[in-house]
Amino acid sequence: MARQFVLNLHDAMGGRTLRDVAAQVGIHHVTLLKILHGRAWPDLATVSRLEIGLNADLYSSADVRADLARAASPSVRKSRPRAPSE
């Protein structure tokens, strides 16, 4: 989920510099750098600023639901048929 957020953020930034994007969305460029490098996780206010400022859906609830569904699904194990007992 965090990795997908960073990938979405990177895509939404396009070819713009860190400083340009940070100034556009109203956060410090070092904060943006830490998020992109996985050294910080943005709070909801920062996620909102990024999404609104970049006009992009960075933290999709559909991604979250898919991740939760994958995590909750039991692993599929193939079992061998048992021999009839006598």
Protein backbone atom coordinates (compact mmCIF):
# COMPACT_ATOMS: atom_id res chain seq x y z
CA MET A 1 0.00 0.00 0.00
CA ALA A 2 2.79 2.46 0.90
CA ARG A 3 4.72 1.48 -2.20
CA GLN A 4 1.67 2.08 -4.41
CA PHE A 5 1.17 5.50 -2.81
CA VAL A 6 4.77 6.46 -3.62
CA LEU A 7 4.45 5.17 -7.19
CA ASN A 8 1.23 7.15 -7.65
CA LEU A 9 2.89 10.24 -6.19
CA HIS A 10 5.91 9.91 -8.46
CA ASP A 11 3.64 9.54 -11.51
CA ALA A 12 1.55 12.55 -10.48
CA MET A 13 4.69 14.68 -10.13
CA GLY A 14 5.52 14.13 -13.78
CA GLY A 15 8.79 15.82 -14.66
CA ARG A 16 8.49 18.55 -12.03
CA THR A 17 11.15 19.05 -9.39
CA LEU A 18 10.68 18.24 -5.72
CA ARG A 19 10.84 21.91 -4.82
CA ASP A 20 8.23 22.88 -7.43
CA VAL A 21 5.78 20.19 -6.31
CA ALA A 22 6.37 20.90 -2.61
CA ALA A 23 5.74 24.62 -3.15
CA GLN A 24 2.63 23.87 -5.19
CA VAL A 25 1.06 21.66 -2.51
CA GLY A 26 2.30 23.61 0.51
CA ILE A 27 4.74 21.21 2.15
CA HIS A 28 8.49 21.37 2.71
CA HIS A 29 10.58 19.78 -0.04
CA VAL A 30 12.46 17.65 2.51
CA THR A 31 9.15 16.17 3.65
CA LEU A 32 8.33 15.25 0.07
CA LEU A 33 11.79 13.73 -0.39
CA LYS A 34 11.36 11.60 2.76
CA ILE A 35 7.97 10.36 1.55
CA LEU A 36 9.34 9.44 -1.87
CA HIS A 37 12.27 7.56 -0.32
CA GLY A 38 10.09 5.71 2.19
CA ARG A 39 11.64 7.38 5.24
CA ALA A 40 8.38 9.05 6.26
CA TRP A 41 4.70 8.29 5.94
CA PRO A 42 2.43 11.32 5.37
CA ASP A 43 -0.39 12.10 7.75
CA LEU A 44 -3.90 12.58 6.37
CA ALA A 45 -3.48 16.34 6.04
CA THR A 46 -0.37 15.86 3.90
CA VAL A 47 -2.03 13.17 1.78
CA SER A 48 -4.93 15.55 1.23
CA ARG A 49 -2.62 18.43 0.28
CA LEU A 50 -0.78 16.20 -2.18
CA GLU A 51 -3.97 14.86 -3.76
CA ILE A 52 -5.59 18.27 -4.07
CA GLY A 53 -2.41 20.04 -5.16
CA LEU A 54 -1.57 17.44 -7.79
CA ASN A 55 -5.21 16.75 -8.70
CA ALA A 56 -4.54 13.03 -8.35
CA ASP A 57 -5.92 10.05 -6.46
CA LEU A 58 -2.77 8.95 -4.64
CA TYR A 59 -4.27 6.91 -1.81
CA SER A 60 -7.11 5.00 -3.38
CA SER A 61 -9.50 3.14 -1.13
CA ALA A 62 -9.76 0.55 -3.91
CA ASP A 63 -6.03 -0.16 -3.46
CA VAL A 64 -6.54 -0.51 0.28
CA ARG A 65 -9.46 -2.90 -0.15
CA ALA A 66 -7.49 -5.02 -2.62
CA ASP A 67 -4.51 -5.20 -0.23
CA LEU A 68 -6.77 -6.16 2.68
CA ALA A 69 -8.52 -8.82 0.60
CA ARG A 70 -5.19 -10.35 -0.42
CA ALA A 71 -3.96 -10.33 3.17
CA ALA A 72 -7.17 -11.92 4.46
CA SER A 73 -7.47 -14.69 1.89
CA PRO A 74 -6.21 -18.04 3.14
CA SER A 75 -3.36 -19.58 1.25
CA VAL A 76 -4.50 -22.32 -1.06
CA ARG A 77 -3.06 -25.68 -0.16
CA LYS A 78 -3.47 -28.74 -2.26
CA SER A 79 -4.24 -31.74 -0.15
CA ARG A 80 -3.71 -35.28 -1.18
CA PRO A 81 -6.74 -37.54 -1.10
CA ARG A 82 -6.76 -39.78 1.92
CA ALA A 83 -6.76 -43.50 1.57
CA PRO A 84 -9.97 -45.08 2.83
CA SER A 85 -9.51 -46.44 6.32
CA GLU A 86 -10.49 -49.95 7.14
